[in-house]
Amino acid sequence: MRGGTRVGANFSIDNSLTFAGYLQRFTLKTHWYLFQDQSMAAYSPVKGFLVMWLALSGTFLWNFTDLFIMLVSASLAAQMKMFTNGLTAARGQILTNNEWREYRETYTLLSLLVKKVDAHINSIIVLSVSSNVYFICAQLITEIE
């Protein structure tokens, strides 16, 4: 192959500036292990596009999941901070029973909201942590080899 480089013992990568050349470089440099086994068929542009699409989709989902968790956590923290600021402002004041009841009901509603969000977001957090650990391990393995 003209203008190519060798990767490992089996791959010659196209260094041309075409999309097909970029696709082959990306696929064989980042996911070379998919094509090193002789039982797998050789590299093809269709397989390269599929690998690239899956990698980009996975990266998007990985970042979106982390961002979603951060935003949900920040919004719950902001709600609790607003409640705490309201109680702090009422410190030292004599409040009526209705005002105390409103604070207790607000606290109860916030507590229920936190428990409900926690029950629904736990699996998302486990998935996010697992994917982060997998990504770190995959990067370490790739860099070591």
C-alpha atoms as a PDB file:
ATOM      1  CA  MET A   1       0.000   0.000   0.000  1.00  0.00           C
ATOM      2  CA  ARG A   2       1.497   3.330  -1.020  1.00  0.00           C
ATOM      3  CA  GLY A   3       2.031   5.834   1.813  1.00  0.00           C
ATOM      4  CA  GLY A   4       1.131   3.319   4.494  1.00  0.00           C
ATOM      5  CA  THR A   5       2.567   2.429   7.859  1.00  0.00           C
ATOM      6  CA  ARG A   6       2.796  -0.959   9.499  1.00  0.00           C
ATOM      7  CA  VAL A   7       0.958  -1.644  12.749  1.00  0.00           C
ATOM      8  CA  GLY A   8       1.779  -4.923  14.416  1.00  0.00           C
ATOM      9  CA  ALA A   9       2.492  -7.813  12.113  1.00  0.00           C
ATOM     10  CA  ASN A  10      -0.725  -7.884  10.123  1.00  0.00           C
ATOM     11  CA  PHE A  11      -1.876  -4.341   9.383  1.00  0.00           C
ATOM     12  CA  SER A  12      -0.791  -1.742   6.899  1.00  0.00           C
ATOM     13  CA  ILE A  13      -2.536   1.578   7.513  1.00  0.00           C
ATOM     14  CA  ASP A  14      -3.452   3.959   4.719  1.00  0.00           C
ATOM     15  CA  ASN A  15      -2.043   7.446   5.400  1.00  0.00           C
ATOM     16  CA  SER A  16      -3.998   9.188   2.661  1.00  0.00           C
ATOM     17  CA  LEU A  17      -6.110  12.240   3.472  1.00  0.00           C
ATOM     18  CA  THR A  18      -9.367  10.637   2.351  1.00  0.00           C
ATOM     19  CA  PHE A  19     -12.220   9.695   4.627  1.00  0.00           C
ATOM     20  CA  ALA A  20     -11.478   6.018   3.988  1.00  0.00           C
ATOM     21  CA  GLY A  21      -7.850   6.576   5.001  1.00  0.00           C
ATOM     22  CA  TYR A  22      -8.867   8.395   8.179  1.00  0.00           C
ATOM     23  CA  LEU A  23     -11.403   5.683   8.964  1.00  0.00           C
ATOM     24  CA  GLN A  24      -8.801   2.957   8.593  1.00  0.00           C
ATOM     25  CA  ARG A  25      -6.246   4.865  10.702  1.00  0.00           C
ATOM     26  CA  PHE A  26      -8.799   5.508  13.459  1.00  0.00           C
ATOM     27  CA  THR A  27     -10.108   1.942  13.493  1.00  0.00           C
ATOM     28  CA  LEU A  28      -6.774   0.139  13.408  1.00  0.00           C
ATOM     29  CA  LYS A  29      -5.023   2.472  15.862  1.00  0.00           C
ATOM     30  CA  THR A  30      -7.796   2.575  18.454  1.00  0.00           C
ATOM     31  CA  HIS A  31      -9.445  -0.829  18.029  1.00  0.00           C
ATOM     32  CA  TRP A  32      -6.632  -2.944  16.600  1.00  0.00           C
ATOM     33  CA  TYR A  33      -7.522  -5.829  18.910  1.00  0.00           C
ATOM     34  CA  LEU A  34     -10.753  -6.422  16.970  1.00  0.00           C
ATOM     35  CA  PHE A  35      -8.760  -7.343  13.877  1.00  0.00           C
ATOM     36  CA  GLN A  36      -5.732  -9.172  15.296  1.00  0.00           C
ATOM     37  CA  ASP A  37      -7.450 -12.542  15.657  1.00  0.00           C
ATOM     38  CA  GLN A  38      -7.285 -14.659  12.509  1.00  0.00           C
ATOM     39  CA  SER A  39     -10.868 -15.841  13.011  1.00  0.00           C
ATOM     40  CA  MET A  40     -12.061 -12.267  12.356  1.00  0.00           C
ATOM     41  CA  ALA A  41     -12.275 -11.172   8.773  1.00  0.00           C
ATOM     42  CA  ALA A  42      -9.834  -8.519   7.587  1.00  0.00           C
ATOM     43  CA  TYR A  43     -10.490  -4.811   7.934  1.00  0.00           C
ATOM     44  CA  SER A  44     -13.063  -3.322   5.598  1.00  0.00           C
ATOM     45  CA  PRO A  45     -14.435   0.242   5.351  1.00  0.00           C
ATOM     46  CA  VAL A  46     -17.882  -0.961   6.460  1.00  0.00           C
ATOM     47  CA  LYS A  47     -16.418  -2.507   9.610  1.00  0.00           C
ATOM     48  CA  GLY A  48     -14.327   0.618  10.138  1.00  0.00           C
ATOM     49  CA  PHE A  49     -17.387   2.850   9.877  1.00  0.00           C
ATOM     50  CA  LEU A  50     -19.301   0.595  12.292  1.00  0.00           C
ATOM     51  CA  VAL A  51     -16.443   0.684  14.818  1.00  0.00           C
ATOM     52  CA  MET A  52     -16.162   4.460  14.486  1.00  0.00           C
ATOM     53  CA  TRP A  53     -19.925   4.968  14.856  1.00  0.00           C
ATOM     54  CA  LEU A  54     -20.047   2.718  17.936  1.00  0.00           C
ATOM     55  CA  ALA A  55     -17.041   4.475  19.485  1.00  0.00           C
ATOM     56  CA  LEU A  56     -18.515   7.935  18.923  1.00  0.00           C
ATOM     57  CA  SER A  57     -21.962   6.863  20.138  1.00  0.00           C
ATOM     58  CA  GLY A  58     -20.447   5.280  23.229  1.00  0.00           C
ATOM     59  CA  THR A  59     -18.430   8.420  23.965  1.00  0.00           C
ATOM     60  CA  PHE A  60     -21.534  10.595  23.592  1.00  0.00           C
ATOM     61  CA  LEU A  61     -23.600   8.358  25.885  1.00  0.00           C
ATOM     62  CA  TRP A  62     -20.775   8.141  28.403  1.00  0.00           C
ATOM     63  CA  ASN A  63     -20.453  11.945  28.601  1.00  0.00           C
ATOM     64  CA  PHE A  64     -24.230  12.514  28.536  1.00  0.00           C
ATOM     65  CA  THR A  65     -24.730  10.071  31.427  1.00  0.00           C
ATOM     66  CA  ASP A  66     -22.070  11.770  33.537  1.00  0.00           C
ATOM     67  CA  LEU A  67     -23.508  15.202  32.745  1.00  0.00           C
ATOM     68  CA  PHE A  68     -27.039  14.025  33.582  1.00  0.00           C
ATOM     69  CA  ILE A  69     -25.913  12.722  36.984  1.00  0.00           C
ATOM     70  CA  MET A  70     -24.087  15.985  37.725  1.00  0.00           C
ATOM     71  CA  LEU A  71     -27.070  18.131  36.767  1.00  0.00           C
ATOM     72  CA  VAL A  72     -29.569  16.094  38.794  1.00  0.00           C
ATOM     73  CA  SER A  73     -27.257  16.150  41.817  1.00  0.00           C
ATOM     74  CA  ALA A  74     -26.637  19.883  41.498  1.00  0.00           C
ATOM     75  CA  SER A  75     -30.354  20.651  41.224  1.00  0.00           C
ATOM     76  CA  LEU A  76     -31.163  18.605  44.334  1.00  0.00           C
ATOM     77  CA  ALA A  77     -28.340  20.317  46.213  1.00  0.00           C
ATOM     78  CA  ALA A  78     -29.654  23.723  45.094  1.00  0.00           C
ATOM     79  CA  GLN A  79     -33.147  22.884  46.357  1.00  0.00           C
ATOM     80  CA  MET A  80     -31.764  21.829  49.739  1.00  0.00           C
ATOM     81  CA  LYS A  81     -29.606  24.981  49.864  1.00  0.00           C
ATOM     82  CA  MET A  82     -32.676  27.164  49.210  1.00  0.00           C
ATOM     83  CA  PHE A  83     -34.528  25.410  52.019  1.00  0.00           C
ATOM     84  CA  THR A  84     -31.560  25.820  54.375  1.00  0.00           C
ATOM     85  CA  ASN A  85     -31.260  29.516  53.492  1.00  0.00           C
ATOM     86  CA  GLY A  86     -34.949  29.962  54.302  1.00  0.00           C
ATOM     87  CA  LEU A  87     -34.511  28.318  57.693  1.00  0.00           C
ATOM     88  CA  THR A  88     -31.376  30.345  58.380  1.00  0.00           C
ATOM     89  CA  ALA A  89     -33.256  33.568  57.620  1.00  0.00           C
ATOM     90  CA  ALA A  90     -35.952  32.521  60.112  1.00  0.00           C
ATOM     91  CA  ARG A  91     -33.406  31.882  62.875  1.00  0.00           C
ATOM     92  CA  GLY A  92     -34.164  33.845  66.027  1.00  0.00           C
ATOM     93  CA  GLN A  93     -37.659  34.786  64.867  1.00  0.00           C
ATOM     94  CA  ILE A  94     -40.850  33.683  66.519  1.00  0.00           C
ATOM     95  CA  LEU A  95     -42.777  31.713  63.923  1.00  0.00           C
ATOM     96  CA  THR A  96     -46.411  30.721  63.993  1.00  0.00           C
ATOM     97  CA  ASN A  97     -47.526  27.105  63.937  1.00  0.00           C
ATOM     98  CA  ASN A  98     -48.563  27.487  60.288  1.00  0.00           C
ATOM     99  CA  GLU A  99     -45.088  28.718  59.314  1.00  0.00           C
ATOM    100  CA  TRP A 100     -43.425  25.795  61.139  1.00  0.00           C
ATOM    101  CA  ARG A 101     -45.867  23.394  59.493  1.00  0.00           C
ATOM    102  CA  GLU A 102     -44.917  24.840  56.086  1.00  0.00           C
ATOM    103  CA  TYR A 103     -41.203  24.328  56.829  1.00  0.00           C
ATOM    104  CA  ARG A 104     -41.827  20.748  57.991  1.00  0.00           C
ATOM    105  CA  GLU A 105     -43.951  19.953  54.921  1.00  0.00           C
ATOM    106  CA  THR A 106     -41.345  21.466  52.626  1.00  0.00           C
ATOM    107  CA  TYR A 107     -38.618  19.416  54.310  1.00  0.00           C
ATOM    108  CA  THR A 108     -40.724  16.259  54.029  1.00  0.00           C
ATOM    109  CA  LEU A 109     -41.379  16.894  50.338  1.00  0.00           C
ATOM    110  CA  LEU A 110     -37.686  17.543  49.679  1.00  0.00           C
ATOM    111  CA  SER A 111     -36.730  14.375  51.547  1.00  0.00           C
ATOM    112  CA  LEU A 112     -39.239  12.341  49.549  1.00  0.00           C
ATOM    113  CA  LEU A 113     -37.939  13.880  46.318  1.00  0.00           C
ATOM    114  CA  VAL A 114     -34.362  12.969  47.208  1.00  0.00           C
ATOM    115  CA  LYS A 115     -35.375   9.394  48.067  1.00  0.00           C
ATOM    116  CA  LYS A 116     -37.387   9.034  44.852  1.00  0.00           C
ATOM    117  CA  VAL A 117     -34.575  10.414  42.684  1.00  0.00           C
ATOM    118  CA  ASP A 118     -32.090   8.207  44.529  1.00  0.00           C
ATOM    119  CA  ALA A 119     -34.193   5.115  43.862  1.00  0.00           C
ATOM    120  CA  HIS A 120     -34.329   5.907  40.128  1.00  0.00           C
ATOM    121  CA  ILE A 121     -30.794   7.168  39.589  1.00  0.00           C
ATOM    122  CA  ASN A 122     -28.909   4.425  41.472  1.00  0.00           C
ATOM    123  CA  SER A 123     -28.743   2.123  38.449  1.00  0.00           C
ATOM    124  CA  ILE A 124     -27.616   5.002  36.236  1.00  0.00           C
ATOM    125  CA  ILE A 125     -24.829   5.833  38.688  1.00  0.00           C
ATOM    126  CA  VAL A 126     -23.691   2.197  38.801  1.00  0.00           C
ATOM    127  CA  LEU A 127     -23.701   2.087  34.992  1.00  0.00           C
ATOM    128  CA  SER A 128     -21.739   5.331  34.810  1.00  0.00           C
ATOM    129  CA  VAL A 129     -19.116   4.229  37.339  1.00  0.00           C
ATOM    130  CA  SER A 130     -18.781   0.861  35.594  1.00  0.00           C
ATOM    131  CA  SER A 131     -18.294   2.450  32.187  1.00  0.00           C
ATOM    132  CA  ASN A 132     -15.768   4.915  33.618  1.00  0.00           C
ATOM    133  CA  VAL A 133     -13.750   2.098  35.213  1.00  0.00           C
ATOM    134  CA  TYR A 134     -13.945   0.072  31.974  1.00  0.00           C
ATOM    135  CA  PHE A 135     -12.754   3.053  29.922  1.00  0.00           C
ATOM    136  CA  ILE A 136      -9.833   3.683  32.283  1.00  0.00           C
ATOM    137  CA  CYS A 137      -8.823   0.006  32.186  1.00  0.00           C
ATOM    138  CA  ALA A 138      -9.156  -0.132  28.389  1.00  0.00           C
ATOM    139  CA  GLN A 139      -6.947   2.955  28.060  1.00  0.00           C
ATOM    140  CA  LEU A 140      -4.362   1.456  30.403  1.00  0.00           C
ATOM    141  CA  ILE A 141      -4.271  -1.795  28.463  1.00  0.00           C
ATOM    142  CA  THR A 142      -3.978   0.057  25.167  1.00  0.00           C
ATOM    143  CA  GLU A 143      -1.143   2.233  26.475  1.00  0.00           C
ATOM    144  CA  ILE A 144       0.730  -0.700  28.049  1.00  0.00           C
ATOM    145  CA  GLU A 145       0.662  -2.725  24.842  1.00  0.00           C
END
